[in-house]
Amino acid sequence: YFALAPDAGWTRFLRWTPLRWFGNMSFSYYLGHSLAIKCFALLAAPLLATFPLTTFGFWAVQPALFLISLAPCIVLFVFVERPFRASL
């Protein structure tokens, strides 16, 4: 009960506007993130081929890949999913 109190830290975190917005667009992210990452990998392949990918390197690029994949998914959400959902 105390974990879900209105002033509990966890509850404040779950009410954080960017987190709620990402939750609303999660289906668009689910649909588009792999395509966005694949396109980025194809475009960046010549540059990435010169760097050896270590375990640390793999985990170090994950935040950047998340941000790269987020941009087209936001476009998909704003211009396709949200208007379609509003018309129902």
N, C-alpha and C. Protein backbone atom coordinates (compact mmCIF):
# COMPACT_ATOMS: atom_id res chain seq x y z
N TYR A 1 0.83 -1.20 0.00
CA TYR A 1 0.00 0.00 0.00
C TYR A 1 0.86 1.26 0.00
N PHE A 2 1.91 1.27 0.83
CA PHE A 2 2.74 2.46 0.93
C PHE A 2 3.49 2.75 -0.37
N ALA A 3 3.79 1.74 -1.15
CA ALA A 3 4.52 1.94 -2.40
C ALA A 3 3.66 2.67 -3.43
N LEU A 4 2.34 2.56 -3.32
CA LEU A 4 1.45 3.20 -4.28
C LEU A 4 0.78 4.46 -3.73
N ALA A 5 1.26 4.95 -2.61
CA ALA A 5 0.71 6.18 -2.05
C ALA A 5 0.98 7.33 -3.03
N PRO A 6 0.09 8.32 -3.09
CA PRO A 6 0.24 9.41 -4.07
C PRO A 6 1.57 10.17 -3.97
N ASP A 7 2.16 10.21 -2.79
CA ASP A 7 3.41 10.96 -2.64
C ASP A 7 4.63 10.06 -2.63
N ALA A 8 4.46 8.76 -2.90
CA ALA A 8 5.59 7.83 -2.94
C ALA A 8 6.45 8.11 -4.17
N GLY A 9 7.73 7.87 -4.06
CA GLY A 9 8.65 8.13 -5.16
C GLY A 9 8.30 7.34 -6.41
N TRP A 10 7.92 6.09 -6.25
CA TRP A 10 7.58 5.25 -7.40
C TRP A 10 6.36 5.81 -8.13
N THR A 11 5.37 6.25 -7.39
CA THR A 11 4.17 6.81 -7.99
C THR A 11 4.48 8.10 -8.73
N ARG A 12 5.33 8.95 -8.14
CA ARG A 12 5.73 10.19 -8.82
C ARG A 12 6.48 9.87 -10.11
N PHE A 13 7.33 8.84 -10.08
CA PHE A 13 8.06 8.44 -11.28
C PHE A 13 7.10 7.97 -12.37
N LEU A 14 6.11 7.18 -12.02
CA LEU A 14 5.16 6.67 -13.01
C LEU A 14 4.25 7.77 -13.56
N ARG A 15 4.10 8.86 -12.84
CA ARG A 15 3.30 9.99 -13.32
C ARG A 15 4.12 11.00 -14.10
N TRP A 16 5.41 10.78 -14.23
CA TRP A 16 6.30 11.70 -14.94
C TRP A 16 5.84 11.80 -16.38
N THR A 17 5.62 13.01 -16.89
CA THR A 17 5.03 13.23 -18.20
C THR A 17 5.78 12.55 -19.34
N PRO A 18 7.13 12.64 -19.44
CA PRO A 18 7.80 11.94 -20.55
C PRO A 18 7.60 10.43 -20.50
N LEU A 19 7.57 9.86 -19.32
CA LEU A 19 7.36 8.42 -19.21
C LEU A 19 5.95 8.04 -19.64
N ARG A 20 4.97 8.83 -19.27
CA ARG A 20 3.59 8.56 -19.69
C ARG A 20 3.43 8.73 -21.18
N TRP A 21 4.11 9.74 -21.77
CA TRP A 21 4.03 9.96 -23.20
C TRP A 21 4.65 8.77 -23.94
N PHE A 22 5.79 8.27 -23.44
CA PHE A 22 6.41 7.11 -24.05
C PHE A 22 5.50 5.89 -23.92
N GLY A 23 4.81 5.76 -22.82
CA GLY A 23 3.86 4.66 -22.66
C GLY A 23 2.73 4.74 -23.67
N ASN A 24 2.26 5.94 -23.96
CA ASN A 24 1.20 6.11 -24.96
C ASN A 24 1.67 5.77 -26.36
N MET A 25 2.94 6.04 -26.65
CA MET A 25 3.45 5.78 -27.99
C MET A 25 4.18 4.44 -28.10
N SER A 26 4.06 3.59 -27.09
CA SER A 26 4.84 2.35 -27.07
C SER A 26 4.51 1.43 -28.24
N PHE A 27 3.28 1.44 -28.74
CA PHE A 27 2.95 0.58 -29.88
C PHE A 27 3.67 1.06 -31.13
N SER A 28 3.74 2.38 -31.34
CA SER A 28 4.49 2.92 -32.47
C SER A 28 5.96 2.58 -32.33
N TYR A 29 6.48 2.63 -31.12
CA TYR A 29 7.89 2.28 -30.91
C TYR A 29 8.10 0.78 -31.19
N TYR A 30 7.19 -0.03 -30.74
CA TYR A 30 7.26 -1.47 -31.00
C TYR A 30 7.31 -1.76 -32.50
N LEU A 31 6.49 -1.06 -33.26
CA LEU A 31 6.44 -1.29 -34.70
C LEU A 31 7.66 -0.76 -35.44
N GLY A 32 8.21 0.36 -35.00
CA GLY A 32 9.22 1.03 -35.80
C GLY A 32 10.66 0.95 -35.35
N HIS A 33 10.91 0.52 -34.12
CA HIS A 33 12.28 0.61 -33.62
C HIS A 33 13.26 -0.28 -34.37
N SER A 34 12.85 -1.48 -34.72
CA SER A 34 13.80 -2.38 -35.40
C SER A 34 14.12 -1.88 -36.80
N LEU A 35 13.14 -1.32 -37.49
CA LEU A 35 13.38 -0.77 -38.82
C LEU A 35 14.32 0.44 -38.73
N ALA A 36 14.11 1.29 -37.74
CA ALA A 36 14.97 2.47 -37.58
C ALA A 36 16.41 2.06 -37.27
N ILE A 37 16.58 1.08 -36.40
CA ILE A 37 17.92 0.62 -36.06
C ILE A 37 18.59 -0.05 -37.25
N LYS A 38 17.83 -0.83 -38.00
CA LYS A 38 18.39 -1.49 -39.19
C LYS A 38 18.82 -0.46 -40.23
N CYS A 39 18.01 0.56 -40.47
CA CYS A 39 18.38 1.62 -41.42
C CYS A 39 19.64 2.35 -40.96
N PHE A 40 19.72 2.65 -39.67
CA PHE A 40 20.91 3.30 -39.15
C PHE A 40 22.14 2.41 -39.33
N ALA A 41 22.00 1.12 -39.06
CA ALA A 41 23.12 0.20 -39.20
C ALA A 41 23.59 0.11 -40.65
N LEU A 42 22.67 0.12 -41.59
CA LEU A 42 23.05 0.07 -43.00
C LEU A 42 23.76 1.34 -43.44
N LEU A 43 23.28 2.49 -42.96
CA LEU A 43 23.90 3.76 -43.31
C LEU A 43 25.26 3.94 -42.64
N ALA A 44 25.40 3.45 -41.43
CA ALA A 44 26.62 3.65 -40.67
C ALA A 44 27.61 2.50 -40.81
N ALA A 45 27.29 1.48 -41.59
CA ALA A 45 28.15 0.29 -41.71
C ALA A 45 29.58 0.62 -42.11
N PRO A 46 29.81 1.49 -43.10
CA PRO A 46 31.21 1.78 -43.45
C PRO A 46 31.99 2.41 -42.30
N LEU A 47 31.36 3.27 -41.54
CA LEU A 47 32.03 3.89 -40.41
C LEU A 47 32.22 2.90 -39.27
N LEU A 48 31.19 2.11 -39.00
CA LEU A 48 31.26 1.16 -37.89
C LEU A 48 32.21 0.01 -38.15
N ALA A 49 32.52 -0.27 -39.41
CA ALA A 49 33.41 -1.38 -39.74
C ALA A 49 34.84 -1.11 -39.28
N THR A 50 35.20 0.14 -39.07
CA THR A 50 36.56 0.46 -38.65
C THR A 50 36.75 0.31 -37.14
N PHE A 51 35.66 0.18 -36.38
CA PHE A 51 35.75 0.05 -34.93
C PHE A 51 35.42 -1.38 -34.51
N PRO A 52 36.27 -2.00 -33.73
CA PRO A 52 35.93 -3.33 -33.22
C PRO A 52 34.83 -3.22 -32.16
N LEU A 53 33.86 -4.09 -32.24
CA LEU A 53 32.74 -4.03 -31.30
C LEU A 53 33.01 -4.96 -30.13
N THR A 54 33.30 -4.37 -29.01
CA THR A 54 33.51 -5.13 -27.78
C THR A 54 32.19 -5.19 -27.02
N THR A 55 32.18 -5.95 -25.96
CA THR A 55 30.98 -6.01 -25.12
C THR A 55 30.68 -4.63 -24.54
N PHE A 56 31.70 -3.95 -24.08
CA PHE A 56 31.50 -2.61 -23.55
C PHE A 56 30.99 -1.66 -24.64
N GLY A 57 31.56 -1.76 -25.84
CA GLY A 57 31.13 -0.92 -26.95
C GLY A 57 29.68 -1.16 -27.31
N PHE A 58 29.28 -2.44 -27.30
CA PHE A 58 27.88 -2.77 -27.59
C PHE A 58 26.95 -2.08 -26.61
N TRP A 59 27.23 -2.20 -25.32
CA TRP A 59 26.36 -1.60 -24.31
C TRP A 59 26.47 -0.08 -24.28
N ALA A 60 27.62 0.44 -24.69
CA ALA A 60 27.81 1.89 -24.69
C ALA A 60 26.96 2.57 -25.77
N VAL A 61 26.69 1.89 -26.89
CA VAL A 61 25.91 2.51 -27.96
C VAL A 61 24.40 2.32 -27.78
N GLN A 62 23.98 1.55 -26.83
CA GLN A 62 22.54 1.31 -26.66
C GLN A 62 21.74 2.58 -26.37
N PRO A 63 22.19 3.49 -25.49
CA PRO A 63 21.42 4.73 -25.31
C PRO A 63 21.30 5.55 -26.59
N ALA A 64 22.38 5.60 -27.37
CA ALA A 64 22.33 6.34 -28.63
C ALA A 64 21.37 5.67 -29.61
N LEU A 65 21.38 4.36 -29.68
CA LEU A 65 20.46 3.65 -30.56
C LEU A 65 19.01 3.86 -30.14
N PHE A 66 18.78 3.93 -28.84
CA PHE A 66 17.43 4.20 -28.35
C PHE A 66 16.95 5.56 -28.85
N LEU A 67 17.81 6.58 -28.72
CA LEU A 67 17.44 7.92 -29.16
C LEU A 67 17.28 7.98 -30.67
N ILE A 68 18.15 7.29 -31.41
CA ILE A 68 18.05 7.26 -32.87
C ILE A 68 16.75 6.59 -33.30
N SER A 69 16.38 5.51 -32.62
CA SER A 69 15.15 4.81 -32.99
C SER A 69 13.91 5.55 -32.51
N LEU A 70 14.05 6.39 -31.52
CA LEU A 70 12.90 7.11 -30.98
C LEU A 70 12.38 8.16 -31.94
N ALA A 71 13.27 8.83 -32.66
CA ALA A 71 12.86 9.94 -33.54
C ALA A 71 11.84 9.51 -34.60
N PRO A 72 12.10 8.49 -35.43
CA PRO A 72 11.08 8.12 -36.42
C PRO A 72 9.82 7.55 -35.79
N CYS A 73 9.96 6.95 -34.63
CA CYS A 73 8.77 6.40 -33.97
C CYS A 73 7.87 7.51 -33.43
N ILE A 74 8.46 8.61 -33.01
CA ILE A 74 7.66 9.76 -32.59
C ILE A 74 6.89 10.31 -33.78
N VAL A 75 7.54 10.39 -34.93
CA VAL A 75 6.87 10.86 -36.15
C VAL A 75 5.71 9.93 -36.49
N LEU A 76 5.94 8.62 -36.42
CA LEU A 76 4.88 7.64 -36.69
C LEU A 76 3.71 7.82 -35.72
N PHE A 77 4.01 8.04 -34.45
CA PHE A 77 2.96 8.21 -33.46
C PHE A 77 2.16 9.48 -33.69
N VAL A 78 2.86 10.60 -33.89
CA VAL A 78 2.19 11.90 -33.99
C VAL A 78 1.36 12.02 -35.26
N PHE A 79 1.88 11.51 -36.38
CA PHE A 79 1.21 11.74 -37.67
C PHE A 79 0.36 10.57 -38.15
N VAL A 80 0.49 9.40 -37.54
CA VAL A 80 -0.31 8.25 -37.99
C VAL A 80 -1.18 7.71 -36.86
N GLU A 81 -0.53 7.26 -35.78
CA GLU A 81 -1.30 6.58 -34.73
C GLU A 81 -2.26 7.51 -34.00
N ARG A 82 -1.79 8.66 -33.57
CA ARG A 82 -2.65 9.58 -32.81
C ARG A 82 -3.85 10.05 -33.60
N PRO A 83 -3.69 10.51 -34.86
CA PRO A 83 -4.89 10.92 -35.62
C PRO A 83 -5.84 9.75 -35.88
N PHE A 84 -5.29 8.57 -36.13
CA PHE A 84 -6.16 7.43 -36.38
C PHE A 84 -6.93 7.05 -35.12
N ARG A 85 -6.26 7.09 -33.98
CA ARG A 85 -6.90 6.77 -32.71
C ARG A 85 -7.97 7.80 -32.37
N ALA A 86 -7.71 9.07 -32.69
CA ALA A 86 -8.68 10.13 -32.39
C ALA A 86 -9.92 10.02 -33.26
N SER A 87 -9.78 9.42 -34.46
CA SER A 87 -10.93 9.31 -35.35
C SER A 87 -11.85 8.17 -34.99
N LEU A 88 -11.44 7.30 -34.10
CA LEU A 88 -12.29 6.15 -33.73
C LEU A 88 -13.36 6.52 -32.75
